[in-house]
């Protein structure tokens, strides 16, 4: 009988420890560090060069330039948003001003969902062979 009377007291002592072990209670205070899904344009931007194959309201399909003419062509899809800058020379243009077949250079970041998002898209003349694809990383 004495053991039964001690059970509620034992439960009252152990329950708070079990809650913290299960993650239901946290003592952590202060700023929370950034996560992979904390917002657009995190991480370094990588520059890609290629030919625009298609453009929709939200995405660009780009066939990347290749350093090896015998290599298989690679295409990547890049999302874009209202924050994405579209440029021709020094002039800002609309996404609809870029047509399929135009050579472009774009800076993109990889988002938390691992998809590529264009930060800026520039209409550019075809570059020299050998320096294309993911050419430059900016911090």
N, C-alpha and C. Protein backbone atom coordinates (compact mmCIF):
# COMPACT_ATOMS: atom_id res chain seq x y z
N UNK A 1 0.81 -1.18 0.00
CA UNK A 1 0.00 0.00 0.00
C UNK A 1 0.87 1.26 0.00
N UNK A 2 1.96 1.19 0.72
CA UNK A 2 2.86 2.32 0.82
C UNK A 2 3.46 2.64 -0.55
N UNK A 3 3.73 1.62 -1.37
CA UNK A 3 4.28 1.82 -2.71
C UNK A 3 3.28 2.52 -3.63
N UNK A 4 2.02 2.23 -3.47
CA UNK A 4 0.98 2.85 -4.29
C UNK A 4 0.87 4.34 -3.97
N UNK A 5 1.04 4.70 -2.71
CA UNK A 5 0.96 6.11 -2.30
C UNK A 5 2.15 6.89 -2.82
N UNK A 6 3.29 6.25 -3.04
CA UNK A 6 4.50 6.94 -3.53
C UNK A 6 4.46 7.15 -5.06
N UNK A 7 3.63 6.39 -5.76
CA UNK A 7 3.57 6.48 -7.23
C UNK A 7 3.25 7.88 -7.73
N UNK A 8 2.23 8.59 -7.23
CA UNK A 8 1.96 9.95 -7.72
C UNK A 8 3.14 10.90 -7.46
N UNK A 9 3.82 10.75 -6.32
CA UNK A 9 4.97 11.60 -6.03
C UNK A 9 6.11 11.32 -7.00
N UNK A 10 6.36 10.06 -7.29
CA UNK A 10 7.41 9.68 -8.22
C UNK A 10 7.09 10.18 -9.63
N UNK A 11 5.84 10.06 -10.04
CA UNK A 11 5.40 10.55 -11.33
C UNK A 11 5.57 12.06 -11.44
N UNK A 12 5.25 12.80 -10.38
CA UNK A 12 5.39 14.26 -10.36
C UNK A 12 6.86 14.66 -10.49
N UNK A 13 7.77 13.85 -9.96
CA UNK A 13 9.20 14.17 -10.06
C UNK A 13 9.77 13.82 -11.43
N UNK A 14 9.31 12.75 -12.05
CA UNK A 14 9.87 12.30 -13.31
C UNK A 14 9.24 12.96 -14.54
N UNK A 15 8.01 13.39 -14.45
CA UNK A 15 7.30 13.93 -15.61
C UNK A 15 8.00 15.14 -16.24
N UNK A 16 8.48 16.13 -15.48
CA UNK A 16 9.18 17.26 -16.12
C UNK A 16 10.44 16.82 -16.87
N UNK A 17 11.15 15.85 -16.35
CA UNK A 17 12.34 15.34 -17.02
C UNK A 17 12.00 14.64 -18.32
N UNK A 18 10.91 13.92 -18.34
CA UNK A 18 10.48 13.24 -19.56
C UNK A 18 10.04 14.23 -20.62
N UNK A 19 9.39 15.31 -20.22
CA UNK A 19 8.95 16.31 -21.18
C UNK A 19 10.12 16.99 -21.87
N UNK A 20 11.17 17.34 -21.12
CA UNK A 20 12.33 17.99 -21.74
C UNK A 20 13.08 17.02 -22.63
N UNK A 21 13.10 15.75 -22.28
CA UNK A 21 13.79 14.77 -23.10
C UNK A 21 13.06 14.54 -24.42
N UNK A 22 11.77 14.75 -24.47
CA UNK A 22 10.98 14.55 -25.68
C UNK A 22 10.92 15.81 -26.55
N UNK A 23 11.51 16.88 -26.13
CA UNK A 23 11.51 18.11 -26.93
C UNK A 23 10.28 18.96 -26.72
N UNK A 24 9.44 18.65 -25.77
CA UNK A 24 8.24 19.42 -25.52
C UNK A 24 8.53 20.72 -24.80
N UNK A 25 9.71 20.84 -24.23
CA UNK A 25 10.08 22.03 -23.49
C UNK A 25 11.53 22.34 -23.83
N UNK A 26 11.84 23.56 -24.08
CA UNK A 26 13.20 23.93 -24.46
C UNK A 26 13.69 25.07 -23.58
N UNK A 27 14.90 24.97 -23.14
CA UNK A 27 15.52 26.04 -22.34
C UNK A 27 16.32 27.00 -23.21
N UNK A 28 16.42 26.71 -24.49
CA UNK A 28 17.22 27.52 -25.40
C UNK A 28 16.60 28.90 -25.57
N UNK A 29 17.40 29.90 -25.42
CA UNK A 29 16.95 31.28 -25.59
C UNK A 29 17.91 32.01 -26.51
N UNK A 30 17.48 33.13 -27.00
CA UNK A 30 18.34 33.91 -27.87
C UNK A 30 17.97 33.71 -29.33
N UNK A 31 18.78 34.29 -30.22
CA UNK A 31 18.45 34.22 -31.65
C UNK A 31 18.56 32.79 -32.18
N UNK A 32 17.66 32.48 -33.05
CA UNK A 32 17.67 31.18 -33.69
C UNK A 32 18.53 31.28 -34.94
N UNK A 33 19.39 30.31 -35.18
CA UNK A 33 20.25 30.37 -36.36
C UNK A 33 19.44 30.13 -37.63
N UNK A 34 19.97 30.60 -38.75
CA UNK A 34 19.29 30.45 -40.03
C UNK A 34 19.24 28.98 -40.43
N UNK A 35 18.17 28.61 -41.09
CA UNK A 35 18.05 27.25 -41.58
C UNK A 35 18.05 27.26 -43.09
N UNK A 36 18.02 26.09 -43.68
CA UNK A 36 18.04 25.99 -45.14
C UNK A 36 16.77 26.54 -45.76
N UNK A 37 15.71 26.65 -44.99
CA UNK A 37 14.45 27.14 -45.55
C UNK A 37 14.08 28.52 -45.01
N UNK A 38 15.08 29.29 -44.58
CA UNK A 38 14.78 30.57 -43.95
C UNK A 38 14.45 31.68 -44.93
N UNK A 39 14.59 31.48 -46.21
CA UNK A 39 14.20 32.53 -47.14
C UNK A 39 14.99 32.47 -48.42
N UNK A 40 14.63 33.33 -49.35
CA UNK A 40 15.29 33.30 -50.65
C UNK A 40 16.70 33.87 -50.61
N UNK A 41 17.51 33.41 -51.55
CA UNK A 41 18.84 33.93 -51.82
C UNK A 41 19.82 33.76 -50.67
N UNK A 42 19.82 32.59 -50.08
CA UNK A 42 20.83 32.28 -49.07
C UNK A 42 21.97 31.55 -49.73
N UNK A 43 23.16 31.78 -49.25
CA UNK A 43 24.31 31.08 -49.79
C UNK A 43 24.91 31.81 -50.97
N UNK A 44 26.02 31.27 -51.48
CA UNK A 44 26.71 31.93 -52.58
C UNK A 44 25.93 31.79 -53.89
N UNK A 45 26.07 32.79 -54.74
CA UNK A 45 25.45 32.73 -56.07
C UNK A 45 26.45 32.11 -57.03
N UNK A 46 25.97 31.26 -57.91
CA UNK A 46 26.79 30.61 -58.92
C UNK A 46 26.33 31.13 -60.28
N UNK A 47 27.28 31.42 -61.16
CA UNK A 47 26.96 31.94 -62.49
C UNK A 47 26.88 30.80 -63.50
N UNK A 48 25.81 30.80 -64.29
CA UNK A 48 25.60 29.81 -65.34
C UNK A 48 25.47 30.56 -66.66
N UNK A 49 25.99 29.97 -67.73
CA UNK A 49 25.87 30.53 -69.08
C UNK A 49 25.20 29.51 -69.96
N UNK A 50 24.31 29.98 -70.84
CA UNK A 50 23.66 29.04 -71.74
C UNK A 50 22.65 29.71 -72.63
N UNK A 51 21.88 28.88 -73.32
CA UNK A 51 20.86 29.34 -74.25
C UNK A 51 19.49 29.10 -73.65
N UNK A 52 18.67 30.13 -73.66
CA UNK A 52 17.32 30.01 -73.12
C UNK A 52 16.49 29.13 -74.05
N UNK A 53 15.91 28.08 -73.49
CA UNK A 53 15.07 27.17 -74.27
C UNK A 53 13.59 27.49 -74.10
N UNK A 54 13.19 27.90 -72.90
CA UNK A 54 11.79 28.22 -72.64
C UNK A 54 11.69 29.11 -71.41
N UNK A 55 10.65 29.94 -71.38
CA UNK A 55 10.38 30.78 -70.23
C UNK A 55 8.88 30.70 -69.93
N UNK A 56 8.55 30.49 -68.65
CA UNK A 56 7.16 30.50 -68.21
C UNK A 56 6.99 31.65 -67.23
N UNK A 57 5.85 31.69 -66.56
CA UNK A 57 5.61 32.77 -65.58
C UNK A 57 6.51 32.66 -64.37
N UNK A 58 7.04 31.45 -64.11
CA UNK A 58 7.82 31.26 -62.89
C UNK A 58 9.19 30.62 -63.10
N UNK A 59 9.47 30.11 -64.31
CA UNK A 59 10.70 29.35 -64.51
C UNK A 59 11.35 29.65 -65.86
N UNK A 60 12.67 29.40 -65.87
CA UNK A 60 13.47 29.48 -67.09
C UNK A 60 14.08 28.10 -67.33
N UNK A 61 14.04 27.62 -68.56
CA UNK A 61 14.73 26.38 -68.92
C UNK A 61 15.93 26.79 -69.76
N UNK A 62 17.13 26.44 -69.28
CA UNK A 62 18.36 26.88 -69.92
C UNK A 62 19.20 25.67 -70.31
N UNK A 63 19.64 25.64 -71.58
CA UNK A 63 20.59 24.62 -72.03
C UNK A 63 21.97 25.20 -71.78
N UNK A 64 22.73 24.57 -70.89
CA UNK A 64 24.02 25.10 -70.48
C UNK A 64 25.05 24.97 -71.58
N UNK A 65 25.95 25.96 -71.64
CA UNK A 65 27.08 25.89 -72.57
C UNK A 65 27.99 24.76 -72.11
N UNK A 66 28.62 24.11 -73.06
CA UNK A 66 29.49 22.98 -72.75
C UNK A 66 30.91 23.29 -73.19
N UNK A 67 31.88 22.82 -72.41
CA UNK A 67 33.28 23.00 -72.77
C UNK A 67 33.73 21.92 -73.75
N UNK A 68 32.98 20.83 -73.85
CA UNK A 68 33.32 19.72 -74.73
C UNK A 68 32.22 19.57 -75.78
N UNK A 69 32.52 19.81 -77.06
CA UNK A 69 31.50 19.72 -78.09
C UNK A 69 30.90 18.31 -78.23
N UNK A 70 31.62 17.28 -77.82
CA UNK A 70 31.12 15.91 -77.91
C UNK A 70 30.24 15.53 -76.72
N UNK A 71 30.24 16.37 -75.70
CA UNK A 71 29.47 16.06 -74.48
C UNK A 71 27.97 16.23 -74.72
N UNK A 72 27.19 15.48 -73.95
CA UNK A 72 25.74 15.59 -74.03
C UNK A 72 25.30 16.94 -73.47
N UNK A 73 24.32 17.55 -74.11
CA UNK A 73 23.81 18.85 -73.66
C UNK A 73 23.07 18.68 -72.34
N UNK A 74 23.26 19.64 -71.43
CA UNK A 74 22.58 19.62 -70.14
C UNK A 74 21.67 20.83 -70.03
N UNK A 75 20.47 20.59 -69.52
CA UNK A 75 19.52 21.68 -69.30
C UNK A 75 19.17 21.75 -67.83
N UNK A 76 18.99 22.96 -67.33
CA UNK A 76 18.58 23.18 -65.95
C UNK A 76 17.38 24.11 -65.93
N UNK A 77 16.54 23.91 -64.93
CA UNK A 77 15.39 24.78 -64.72
C UNK A 77 15.69 25.70 -63.54
N UNK A 78 15.46 26.98 -63.73
CA UNK A 78 15.68 27.99 -62.70
C UNK A 78 14.35 28.67 -62.41
N UNK A 79 14.00 28.76 -61.14
CA UNK A 79 12.83 29.55 -60.75
C UNK A 79 13.22 31.01 -60.72
N UNK A 80 12.25 31.89 -60.85
CA UNK A 80 12.51 33.30 -60.61
C UNK A 80 11.31 33.92 -59.91
N UNK A 81 11.54 35.09 -59.30
CA UNK A 81 10.49 35.76 -58.53
C UNK A 81 10.50 37.24 -58.87
N UNK A 82 9.71 37.99 -58.13
CA UNK A 82 9.68 39.45 -58.32
C UNK A 82 11.02 40.08 -57.99
N UNK A 83 11.82 39.42 -57.17
CA UNK A 83 13.12 39.96 -56.77
C UNK A 83 14.20 39.71 -57.82
N UNK A 84 13.97 38.81 -58.75
CA UNK A 84 14.95 38.50 -59.79
C UNK A 84 15.10 39.70 -60.73
N UNK A 85 16.33 40.08 -61.00
CA UNK A 85 16.63 41.20 -61.91
C UNK A 85 16.90 40.64 -63.30
N UNK A 86 16.23 41.21 -64.33
CA UNK A 86 16.45 40.85 -65.72
C UNK A 86 17.10 42.05 -66.39
N UNK A 87 18.27 41.84 -67.01
CA UNK A 87 19.04 42.95 -67.57
C UNK A 87 19.47 42.67 -69.00
N UNK A 88 19.49 43.73 -69.80
CA UNK A 88 20.10 43.69 -71.12
C UNK A 88 21.02 44.90 -71.16
N UNK A 89 22.31 44.65 -71.06
CA UNK A 89 23.27 45.74 -70.89
C UNK A 89 23.06 46.32 -69.49
N UNK A 90 22.86 47.63 -69.44
CA UNK A 90 22.59 48.29 -68.16
C UNK A 90 21.10 48.51 -67.91
N UNK A 91 20.28 48.16 -68.90
CA UNK A 91 18.84 48.40 -68.81
C UNK A 91 18.12 47.22 -68.18
N UNK A 92 17.20 47.52 -67.26
CA UNK A 92 16.37 46.47 -66.69
C UNK A 92 15.23 46.17 -67.67
N UNK A 93 14.98 44.87 -67.91
CA UNK A 93 13.94 44.46 -68.85
C UNK A 93 12.97 43.51 -68.15
N UNK A 94 11.89 43.17 -68.85
CA UNK A 94 10.91 42.22 -68.33
C UNK A 94 11.30 40.81 -68.74
N UNK A 95 10.88 39.79 -67.98
CA UNK A 95 11.17 38.41 -68.38
C UNK A 95 10.63 38.09 -69.77
N UNK A 96 9.51 38.70 -70.15
CA UNK A 96 8.92 38.44 -71.46
C UNK A 96 9.76 39.01 -72.60
N UNK A 97 10.72 39.90 -72.30
CA UNK A 97 11.59 40.46 -73.32
C UNK A 97 12.69 39.49 -73.75
N UNK A 98 12.88 38.43 -72.97
CA UNK A 98 13.89 37.43 -73.29
C UNK A 98 13.19 36.30 -74.05
N UNK A 99 13.70 35.99 -75.22
CA UNK A 99 13.07 34.98 -76.06
C UNK A 99 13.91 33.71 -76.12
N UNK A 100 13.25 32.61 -76.43
CA UNK A 100 13.95 31.34 -76.61
C UNK A 100 15.00 31.50 -77.69
N UNK A 101 16.16 30.91 -77.46
CA UNK A 101 17.28 31.00 -78.40
C UNK A 101 18.31 32.05 -78.03
N UNK A 102 17.94 32.97 -77.12
CA UNK A 102 18.89 34.01 -76.70
C UNK A 102 19.92 33.42 -75.75
N UNK A 103 21.15 33.92 -75.87
CA UNK A 103 22.21 33.50 -74.96
C UNK A 103 22.12 34.34 -73.69
N UNK A 104 22.11 33.69 -72.53
CA UNK A 104 21.99 34.41 -71.26
C UNK A 104 23.08 33.96 -70.29
N UNK A 105 23.30 34.81 -69.32
CA UNK A 105 24.17 34.51 -68.19
C UNK A 105 23.35 34.80 -66.96
N UNK A 106 23.30 33.85 -66.02
CA UNK A 106 22.48 34.11 -64.83
C UNK A 106 23.19 33.68 -63.56
N UNK A 107 22.91 34.41 -62.51
CA UNK A 107 23.40 34.08 -61.17
C UNK A 107 22.26 33.42 -60.43
N UNK A 108 22.54 32.29 -59.78
CA UNK A 108 21.49 31.54 -59.10
C UNK A 108 22.00 31.01 -57.76
N UNK A 109 21.06 30.80 -56.86
CA UNK A 109 21.35 30.19 -55.57
C UNK A 109 20.49 28.94 -55.43
N UNK A 110 20.91 28.04 -54.56
CA UNK A 110 20.13 26.84 -54.28
C UNK A 110 19.35 27.10 -53.00
N UNK A 111 18.05 26.91 -53.08
CA UNK A 111 17.15 27.19 -51.96
C UNK A 111 17.06 25.99 -51.02
N UNK A 112 16.33 26.16 -49.95
CA UNK A 112 16.16 25.11 -48.96
C UNK A 112 15.55 23.85 -49.52
N UNK A 113 14.73 23.97 -50.54
CA UNK A 113 14.13 22.79 -51.17
C UNK A 113 15.03 22.23 -52.27
N UNK A 114 16.28 22.71 -52.34
CA UNK A 114 17.31 22.26 -53.27
C UNK A 114 17.05 22.65 -54.72
N UNK A 115 16.12 23.55 -54.98
CA UNK A 115 15.88 24.02 -56.34
C UNK A 115 16.67 25.29 -56.58
N UNK A 116 17.04 25.52 -57.82
CA UNK A 116 17.81 26.70 -58.19
C UNK A 116 16.88 27.89 -58.43
N UNK A 117 17.25 29.04 -57.88
CA UNK A 117 16.49 30.26 -58.06
C UNK A 117 17.40 31.33 -58.64
N UNK A 118 16.96 31.93 -59.73
CA UNK A 118 17.74 32.97 -60.39
C UNK A 118 17.69 34.26 -59.58
N UNK A 119 18.85 34.84 -59.32
CA UNK A 119 18.95 36.13 -58.64
C UNK A 119 18.97 37.23 -59.68
N UNK A 120 19.76 37.02 -60.75
CA UNK A 120 19.81 37.97 -61.86
C UNK A 120 20.01 37.21 -63.16
N UNK A 121 19.41 37.74 -64.22
CA UNK A 121 19.49 37.14 -65.55
C UNK A 121 19.93 38.24 -66.50
N UNK A 122 21.03 38.01 -67.23
CA UNK A 122 21.55 38.99 -68.16
C UNK A 122 21.57 38.41 -69.56
N UNK A 123 21.03 39.16 -70.53
CA UNK A 123 21.15 38.77 -71.92
C UNK A 123 22.59 39.04 -72.29
N UNK A 124 23.28 38.02 -72.82
CA UNK A 124 24.71 38.14 -73.09
C UNK A 124 25.05 37.52 -74.43
N UNK A 125 26.07 38.05 -75.11
CA UNK A 125 26.51 37.40 -76.33
C UNK A 125 27.18 36.08 -75.99
N UNK A 126 27.19 35.11 -76.91
CA UNK A 126 27.86 33.84 -76.62
C UNK A 126 29.31 34.08 -76.25
N UNK A 127 29.76 33.42 -75.20
CA UNK A 127 31.13 33.58 -74.74
C UNK A 127 32.07 32.64 -75.45
N UNK A 128 33.37 32.77 -75.17
CA UNK A 128 34.36 31.89 -75.80
C UNK A 128 34.25 30.48 -75.24
N UNK A 129 34.56 29.46 -76.03
CA UNK A 129 34.51 28.09 -75.53
C UNK A 129 35.51 27.89 -74.41
N UNK A 130 35.16 27.06 -73.46
CA UNK A 130 36.07 26.72 -72.38
C UNK A 130 35.76 27.37 -71.06
N UNK A 131 34.97 28.43 -71.01
CA UNK A 131 34.71 29.08 -69.74
C UNK A 131 33.23 29.15 -69.44
N UNK A 132 32.53 28.06 -69.62
CA UNK A 132 31.08 28.12 -69.51
C UNK A 132 30.54 27.17 -68.46
N UNK A 133 29.23 27.23 -68.28
CA UNK A 133 28.60 26.38 -67.27
C UNK A 133 28.62 27.10 -65.94
N UNK A 134 28.90 26.40 -64.85
CA UNK A 134 28.97 27.00 -63.52
C UNK A 134 30.36 27.58 -63.37
N UNK A 135 30.54 28.82 -63.83
CA UNK A 135 31.87 29.38 -63.96
C UNK A 135 32.37 30.13 -62.75
N UNK A 136 31.50 30.83 -62.04
CA UNK A 136 31.99 31.74 -61.03
C UNK A 136 31.12 31.63 -59.80
N UNK A 137 31.75 31.67 -58.62
CA UNK A 137 31.02 31.65 -57.36
C UNK A 137 31.24 32.97 -56.67
N UNK A 138 30.15 33.64 -56.29
CA UNK A 138 30.23 34.91 -55.57
C UNK A 138 29.79 34.71 -54.15
N UNK A 139 30.38 35.45 -53.25
CA UNK A 139 29.99 35.36 -51.84
C UNK A 139 29.31 36.60 -51.40
